[in-house]
Amino acid sequence: MSEPISALAGKNAEGFARVSEAGLQGMITLRGNLASAALAAAVKTATGCALPGNRGIHTKAGKAAAWMSPDELLLLVPYGEAETTTAALAAALAGEHALAANVSDARALFRISGAKADQVAMKLCPVDFARLPQGEIRRTRAAQVAAALWRSAPDEISLVCFRSVAGYVFDLLAISARTGSELAPA
């Protein structure tokens, strides 16, 4: 059996901000009734996090629960725990109208870090980053592809996209972070 590898094997680019492919990350799509007590309990058990509200993301001890739509969450767990966590979610939600799917190998995670990390993403995504607080996630586009992003630290943006476009997204981010291409202050 082959060993799992991330989309770009941890590739990095340095400029006025640092762009990094974050490596292997466990990601689980969980669909169901977000008002369900059973679903809330399953998410709490899986991640240690409460259910997030609209456009919210809660993180705890390297795990997260992110709101993706009125009936969908994205759960982040260590890569090695994704299969067992998905199975535990399915078992906990037996009898509920719900679906848990391990999408770890279908997605790529990037981190954009530095004092001007926002500027990298501003060039590509129609999001008002001045009003994007930590703890809020946005589903949007990065140039021509679907993406989700959030402020994962005061000077860091995390971005998830499909693995099939990881090379394209990395190149977009790296070009947008090139030294000398900073946005002029307003």
C-alpha atoms as a PDB file:
ATOM      1  CA  MET A   1       0.000   0.000   0.000  1.00  0.00           C
ATOM      2  CA  SER A   2       1.305   3.457  -0.807  1.00  0.00           C
ATOM      3  CA  GLU A   3       1.966   6.054   1.852  1.00  0.00           C
ATOM      4  CA  PRO A   4      -0.321   9.094   1.914  1.00  0.00           C
ATOM      5  CA  ILE A   5       1.191  12.363   0.737  1.00  0.00           C
ATOM      6  CA  SER A   6      -0.247  15.830   0.731  1.00  0.00           C
ATOM      7  CA  ALA A   7      -1.062  17.592  -2.526  1.00  0.00           C
ATOM      8  CA  LEU A   8       2.246  19.469  -2.755  1.00  0.00           C
ATOM      9  CA  ALA A   9       4.405  17.772  -0.106  1.00  0.00           C
ATOM     10  CA  GLY A  10       4.607  20.860   2.122  1.00  0.00           C
ATOM     11  CA  LYS A  11       5.710  23.282  -0.596  1.00  0.00           C
ATOM     12  CA  ASN A  12       6.490  26.854   0.567  1.00  0.00           C
ATOM     13  CA  ALA A  13       7.000  30.258  -1.032  1.00  0.00           C
ATOM     14  CA  GLU A  14       8.503  33.319   0.629  1.00  0.00           C
ATOM     15  CA  GLY A  15       7.689  36.908  -0.265  1.00  0.00           C
ATOM     16  CA  PHE A  16       6.126  39.739   1.701  1.00  0.00           C
ATOM     17  CA  ALA A  17       4.082  36.864   3.208  1.00  0.00           C
ATOM     18  CA  ARG A  18       4.798  33.159   3.508  1.00  0.00           C
ATOM     19  CA  VAL A  19       2.641  30.674   1.601  1.00  0.00           C
ATOM     20  CA  SER A  20       2.737  27.051   2.772  1.00  0.00           C
ATOM     21  CA  GLU A  21       0.918  23.924   1.760  1.00  0.00           C
ATOM     22  CA  ALA A  22       0.059  22.664   5.241  1.00  0.00           C
ATOM     23  CA  GLY A  23       0.645  18.976   4.607  1.00  0.00           C
ATOM     24  CA  LEU A  24      -1.684  16.131   5.484  1.00  0.00           C
ATOM     25  CA  GLN A  25      -4.853  17.298   7.207  1.00  0.00           C
ATOM     26  CA  GLY A  26      -7.825  15.203   8.208  1.00  0.00           C
ATOM     27  CA  MET A  27     -11.036  16.717   6.823  1.00  0.00           C
ATOM     28  CA  ILE A  28     -14.539  15.338   7.228  1.00  0.00           C
ATOM     29  CA  THR A  29     -17.658  16.669   5.570  1.00  0.00           C
ATOM     30  CA  LEU A  30     -20.616  16.206   7.891  1.00  0.00           C
ATOM     31  CA  ARG A  31     -24.099  16.769   6.447  1.00  0.00           C
ATOM     32  CA  GLY A  32     -27.225  16.733   8.543  1.00  0.00           C
ATOM     33  CA  ASN A  33     -29.626  18.709  10.690  1.00  0.00           C
ATOM     34  CA  LEU A  34     -27.424  21.183  12.552  1.00  0.00           C
ATOM     35  CA  ALA A  35     -30.217  21.642  15.119  1.00  0.00           C
ATOM     36  CA  SER A  36     -29.953  17.960  16.096  1.00  0.00           C
ATOM     37  CA  ALA A  37     -28.742  17.285  19.643  1.00  0.00           C
ATOM     38  CA  ALA A  38     -27.215  13.989  18.454  1.00  0.00           C
ATOM     39  CA  LEU A  39     -25.210  15.783  15.759  1.00  0.00           C
ATOM     40  CA  ALA A  40     -24.023  18.425  18.229  1.00  0.00           C
ATOM     41  CA  ALA A  41     -22.923  15.700  20.649  1.00  0.00           C
ATOM     42  CA  ALA A  42     -21.120  13.775  17.881  1.00  0.00           C
ATOM     43  CA  VAL A  43     -19.248  16.899  16.780  1.00  0.00           C
ATOM     44  CA  LYS A  44     -18.287  17.688  20.385  1.00  0.00           C
ATOM     45  CA  THR A  45     -16.977  14.142  20.859  1.00  0.00           C
ATOM     46  CA  ALA A  46     -15.071  14.206  17.547  1.00  0.00           C
ATOM     47  CA  THR A  47     -13.486  17.648  17.844  1.00  0.00           C
ATOM     48  CA  GLY A  48     -14.000  18.952  21.363  1.00  0.00           C
ATOM     49  CA  CYS A  49     -15.810  21.902  19.765  1.00  0.00           C
ATOM     50  CA  ALA A  50     -19.367  23.119  20.022  1.00  0.00           C
ATOM     51  CA  LEU A  51     -21.378  23.516  16.831  1.00  0.00           C
ATOM     52  CA  PRO A  52     -20.445  26.785  15.146  1.00  0.00           C
ATOM     53  CA  GLY A  53     -23.092  29.281  14.130  1.00  0.00           C
ATOM     54  CA  ASN A  54     -23.472  30.657  10.598  1.00  0.00           C
ATOM     55  CA  ARG A  55     -20.034  31.266   9.042  1.00  0.00           C
ATOM     56  CA  GLY A  56     -18.362  30.246  12.291  1.00  0.00           C
ATOM     57  CA  ILE A  57     -15.341  28.066  12.982  1.00  0.00           C
ATOM     58  CA  HIS A  58     -14.401  26.756  16.414  1.00  0.00           C
ATOM     59  CA  THR A  59     -10.963  25.307  17.089  1.00  0.00           C
ATOM     60  CA  LYS A  60      -9.606  23.353  20.019  1.00  0.00           C
ATOM     61  CA  ALA A  61      -6.370  21.416  20.463  1.00  0.00           C
ATOM     62  CA  GLY A  62      -5.616  21.058  16.739  1.00  0.00           C
ATOM     63  CA  LYS A  63      -9.184  20.158  15.783  1.00  0.00           C
ATOM     64  CA  ALA A  64     -11.962  22.324  14.385  1.00  0.00           C
ATOM     65  CA  ALA A  65     -15.625  22.446  13.419  1.00  0.00           C
ATOM     66  CA  ALA A  66     -16.519  24.891  10.637  1.00  0.00           C
ATOM     67  CA  TRP A  67     -19.952  25.908   9.339  1.00  0.00           C
ATOM     68  CA  MET A  68     -20.117  25.421   5.571  1.00  0.00           C
ATOM     69  CA  SER A  69     -23.862  25.720   4.855  1.00  0.00           C
ATOM     70  CA  PRO A  70     -27.184  25.370   6.723  1.00  0.00           C
ATOM     71  CA  ASP A  71     -26.773  21.578   6.713  1.00  0.00           C
ATOM     72  CA  GLU A  72     -23.018  21.063   6.372  1.00  0.00           C
ATOM     73  CA  LEU A  73     -19.926  21.232   8.567  1.00  0.00           C
ATOM     74  CA  LEU A  74     -16.251  20.715   7.810  1.00  0.00           C
ATOM     75  CA  LEU A  75     -14.441  18.963  10.652  1.00  0.00           C
ATOM     76  CA  LEU A  76     -10.658  19.187  10.891  1.00  0.00           C
ATOM     77  CA  VAL A  77      -8.831  16.460  12.770  1.00  0.00           C
ATOM     78  CA  PRO A  78      -5.311  15.042  12.583  1.00  0.00           C
ATOM     79  CA  TYR A  79      -4.913  13.117   9.332  1.00  0.00           C
ATOM     80  CA  GLY A  80      -4.315   9.799  11.077  1.00  0.00           C
ATOM     81  CA  GLU A  81      -7.616  10.135  12.960  1.00  0.00           C
ATOM     82  CA  ALA A  82      -9.850  10.946   9.982  1.00  0.00           C
ATOM     83  CA  GLU A  83     -10.975   7.390   9.162  1.00  0.00           C
ATOM     84  CA  THR A  84     -11.781   6.382  12.722  1.00  0.00           C
ATOM     85  CA  THR A  85     -13.440   9.741  13.431  1.00  0.00           C
ATOM     86  CA  THR A  86     -15.601   9.385  10.309  1.00  0.00           C
ATOM     87  CA  ALA A  87     -16.654   5.886  11.387  1.00  0.00           C
ATOM     88  CA  ALA A  88     -17.386   7.092  14.935  1.00  0.00           C
ATOM     89  CA  LEU A  89     -19.516   9.941  13.563  1.00  0.00           C
ATOM     90  CA  ALA A  90     -21.464   7.530  11.338  1.00  0.00           C
ATOM     91  CA  ALA A  91     -22.075   5.217  14.301  1.00  0.00           C
ATOM     92  CA  ALA A  92     -23.100   8.077  16.600  1.00  0.00           C
ATOM     93  CA  LEU A  93     -25.520   9.380  13.975  1.00  0.00           C
ATOM     94  CA  ALA A  94     -27.092   6.042  13.026  1.00  0.00           C
ATOM     95  CA  GLY A  95     -30.803   6.657  12.758  1.00  0.00           C
ATOM     96  CA  GLU A  96     -30.292  10.357  12.031  1.00  0.00           C
ATOM     97  CA  HIS A  97     -30.555  11.798   8.535  1.00  0.00           C
ATOM     98  CA  ALA A  98     -26.803  12.512   8.306  1.00  0.00           C
ATOM     99  CA  LEU A  99     -23.717  11.739   6.255  1.00  0.00           C
ATOM    100  CA  ALA A 100     -20.079  11.754   7.352  1.00  0.00           C
ATOM    101  CA  ALA A 101     -17.478  11.504   4.590  1.00  0.00           C
ATOM    102  CA  ASN A 102     -13.694  11.545   4.888  1.00  0.00           C
ATOM    103  CA  VAL A 103     -12.579  14.114   2.277  1.00  0.00           C
ATOM    104  CA  SER A 104      -8.986  14.432   3.520  1.00  0.00           C
ATOM    105  CA  ASP A 105      -7.421  13.177   0.292  1.00  0.00           C
ATOM    106  CA  ALA A 106      -9.723  15.303  -1.871  1.00  0.00           C
ATOM    107  CA  ARG A 107      -8.726  18.651  -0.330  1.00  0.00           C
ATOM    108  CA  ALA A 108      -5.604  20.755   0.166  1.00  0.00           C
ATOM    109  CA  LEU A 109      -4.913  23.205   2.994  1.00  0.00           C
ATOM    110  CA  PHE A 110      -2.751  26.305   2.655  1.00  0.00           C
ATOM    111  CA  ARG A 111      -1.537  28.781   5.254  1.00  0.00           C
ATOM    112  CA  ILE A 112      -0.685  32.365   4.353  1.00  0.00           C
ATOM    113  CA  SER A 113       1.248  33.998   7.169  1.00  0.00           C
ATOM    114  CA  GLY A 114       2.880  37.296   7.995  1.00  0.00           C
ATOM    115  CA  ALA A 115       1.825  40.830   8.845  1.00  0.00           C
ATOM    116  CA  LYS A 116       0.472  41.314   5.305  1.00  0.00           C
ATOM    117  CA  ALA A 117      -1.118  37.892   4.819  1.00  0.00           C
ATOM    118  CA  ASP A 118      -4.476  39.543   4.171  1.00  0.00           C
ATOM    119  CA  GLN A 119      -3.046  41.281   1.102  1.00  0.00           C
ATOM    120  CA  VAL A 120      -2.235  37.968  -0.565  1.00  0.00           C
ATOM    121  CA  ALA A 121      -5.810  36.747  -0.226  1.00  0.00           C
ATOM    122  CA  MET A 122      -7.303  40.173  -1.084  1.00  0.00           C
ATOM    123  CA  LYS A 123      -5.860  39.914  -4.572  1.00  0.00           C
ATOM    124  CA  LEU A 124      -7.700  36.647  -5.227  1.00  0.00           C
ATOM    125  CA  CYS A 125     -10.872  36.514  -3.136  1.00  0.00           C
ATOM    126  CA  PRO A 126     -13.916  38.805  -3.018  1.00  0.00           C
ATOM    127  CA  VAL A 127     -13.891  39.038   0.777  1.00  0.00           C
ATOM    128  CA  ASP A 128     -13.674  42.149   2.973  1.00  0.00           C
ATOM    129  CA  PHE A 129     -10.698  41.029   5.034  1.00  0.00           C
ATOM    130  CA  ALA A 130     -10.861  44.135   7.218  1.00  0.00           C
ATOM    131  CA  ARG A 131     -14.151  42.734   8.533  1.00  0.00           C
ATOM    132  CA  LEU A 132     -13.158  39.062   8.711  1.00  0.00           C
ATOM    133  CA  PRO A 133     -12.662  38.291  12.399  1.00  0.00           C
ATOM    134  CA  GLN A 134     -10.905  35.275  13.798  1.00  0.00           C
ATOM    135  CA  GLY A 135     -13.539  32.584  14.273  1.00  0.00           C
ATOM    136  CA  GLU A 136     -15.361  33.267  10.993  1.00  0.00           C
ATOM    137  CA  ILE A 137     -15.064  31.152   7.837  1.00  0.00           C
ATOM    138  CA  ARG A 138     -16.009  32.182   4.322  1.00  0.00           C
ATOM    139  CA  ARG A 139     -16.798  30.049   1.313  1.00  0.00           C
ATOM    140  CA  THR A 140     -15.661  31.991  -1.699  1.00  0.00           C
ATOM    141  CA  ARG A 141     -13.508  31.820  -4.791  1.00  0.00           C
ATOM    142  CA  ALA A 142      -9.745  32.123  -5.123  1.00  0.00           C
ATOM    143  CA  ALA A 143      -9.478  33.438  -8.666  1.00  0.00           C
ATOM    144  CA  GLN A 144     -11.323  30.754 -10.651  1.00  0.00           C
ATOM    145  CA  VAL A 145     -11.742  28.001  -8.052  1.00  0.00           C
ATOM    146  CA  ALA A 146     -13.920  27.306  -5.045  1.00  0.00           C
ATOM    147  CA  ALA A 147     -12.267  27.828  -1.677  1.00  0.00           C
ATOM    148  CA  ALA A 148     -13.010  28.304   1.997  1.00  0.00           C
ATOM    149  CA  LEU A 149     -10.855  30.517   4.183  1.00  0.00           C
ATOM    150  CA  TRP A 150     -10.579  31.808   7.711  1.00  0.00           C
ATOM    151  CA  ARG A 151      -8.250  33.826   9.916  1.00  0.00           C
ATOM    152  CA  SER A 152      -6.508  31.016  11.794  1.00  0.00           C
ATOM    153  CA  ALA A 153      -4.293  33.420  13.781  1.00  0.00           C
ATOM    154  CA  PRO A 154      -3.983  37.222  13.894  1.00  0.00           C
ATOM    155  CA  ASP A 155      -1.380  37.152  11.080  1.00  0.00           C
ATOM    156  CA  GLU A 156      -2.475  33.957   9.316  1.00  0.00           C
ATOM    157  CA  ILE A 157      -5.135  32.991   6.796  1.00  0.00           C
ATOM    158  CA  SER A 158      -5.953  29.313   6.197  1.00  0.00           C
ATOM    159  CA  LEU A 159      -7.432  28.327   2.841  1.00  0.00           C
ATOM    160  CA  VAL A 160      -8.953  24.997   1.768  1.00  0.00           C
ATOM    161  CA  CYS A 161      -9.511  24.039  -1.863  1.00  0.00           C
ATOM    162  CA  PHE A 162      -9.912  20.886  -3.916  1.00  0.00           C
ATOM    163  CA  ARG A 163      -6.716  18.867  -4.196  1.00  0.00           C
ATOM    164  CA  SER A 164      -7.079  18.760  -7.993  1.00  0.00           C
ATOM    165  CA  VAL A 165      -6.397  22.512  -8.170  1.00  0.00           C
ATOM    166  CA  ALA A 166      -3.758  22.699  -5.409  1.00  0.00           C
ATOM    167  CA  GLY A 167      -0.902  23.486  -7.799  1.00  0.00           C
ATOM    168  CA  TYR A 168      -2.910  26.275  -9.417  1.00  0.00           C
ATOM    169  CA  VAL A 169      -3.902  27.758  -6.046  1.00  0.00           C
ATOM    170  CA  PHE A 170      -0.351  27.539  -4.698  1.00  0.00           C
ATOM    171  CA  ASP A 171       0.983  29.369  -7.756  1.00  0.00           C
ATOM    172  CA  LEU A 172      -1.702  32.070  -7.412  1.00  0.00           C
ATOM    173  CA  LEU A 173      -0.866  32.553  -3.747  1.00  0.00           C
ATOM    174  CA  ALA A 174       2.900  32.554  -4.347  1.00  0.00           C
ATOM    175  CA  ILE A 175       2.627  35.146  -7.143  1.00  0.00           C
ATOM    176  CA  SER A 176       0.313  37.276  -5.011  1.00  0.00           C
ATOM    177  CA  ALA A 177       2.857  37.175  -2.157  1.00  0.00           C
ATOM    178  CA  ARG A 178       5.865  38.261  -4.226  1.00  0.00           C
ATOM    179  CA  THR A 179       7.948  40.952  -2.594  1.00  0.00           C
ATOM    180  CA  GLY A 180       7.254  44.280  -4.268  1.00  0.00           C
ATOM    181  CA  SER A 181       3.636  43.451  -5.072  1.00  0.00           C
ATOM    182  CA  GLU A 182       2.215  44.648  -1.753  1.00  0.00           C
ATOM    183  CA  LEU A 183      -0.968  46.680  -2.000  1.00  0.00           C
ATOM    184  CA  ALA A 184      -0.561  50.414  -1.516  1.00  0.00           C
ATOM    185  CA  PRO A 185      -2.249  51.795   1.599  1.00  0.00           C
ATOM    186  CA  ALA A 186      -5.581  53.512   0.895  1.00  0.00           C
END
